[in-house]
Amino acid sequence: EVLLVDKAQLLTLSAPEMTVLLGGLRVLGANVGQ
């Protein structure tokens, strides 16, 4: 997630976009974990 945050800052993503991105990745990670 730290790398994603760094990339997001470079891309200047908005806060809502980051929330959606990280939220989606957490869901995918949870699905893969199961």
Protein backbone atom coordinates (compact mmCIF):
# COMPACT_ATOMS: atom_id res chain seq x y z
CA GLU A 1 0.00 0.00 0.00
CA VAL A 2 2.92 2.33 0.66
CA LEU A 3 4.07 1.97 -2.95
CA LEU A 4 0.52 2.63 -4.15
CA VAL A 5 0.37 5.79 -2.07
CA ASP A 6 3.66 6.99 -3.53
CA LYS A 7 2.42 6.31 -7.07
CA ALA A 8 -0.88 8.01 -6.28
CA GLN A 9 0.98 11.13 -5.17
CA LEU A 10 2.92 11.12 -8.42
CA LEU A 11 -0.33 10.77 -10.36
CA THR A 12 -1.98 13.32 -8.05
CA LEU A 13 -5.04 11.15 -7.52
CA SER A 14 -7.78 12.69 -5.45
CA ALA A 15 -8.57 11.36 -1.97
CA PRO A 16 -11.84 9.70 -3.07
CA GLU A 17 -10.02 7.94 -5.92
CA MET A 18 -7.39 6.62 -3.52
CA THR A 19 -10.10 5.40 -1.14
CA VAL A 20 -11.83 3.51 -3.94
CA LEU A 21 -8.54 2.11 -5.22
CA LEU A 22 -7.30 0.88 -1.84
CA GLY A 23 -10.79 -0.38 -0.92
CA GLY A 24 -10.98 -2.39 -4.14
CA LEU A 25 -7.51 -3.85 -3.61
CA ARG A 26 -8.43 -4.89 -0.06
CA VAL A 27 -11.53 -6.66 -1.38
CA LEU A 28 -9.47 -8.44 -4.03
CA GLY A 29 -6.86 -9.37 -1.43
CA ALA A 30 -9.54 -10.75 0.88
CA ASN A 31 -11.03 -12.81 -1.95
CA VAL A 32 -7.62 -14.20 -2.87
CA GLY A 33 -6.91 -14.94 0.80
CA GLN A 34 -10.02 -17.08 1.02
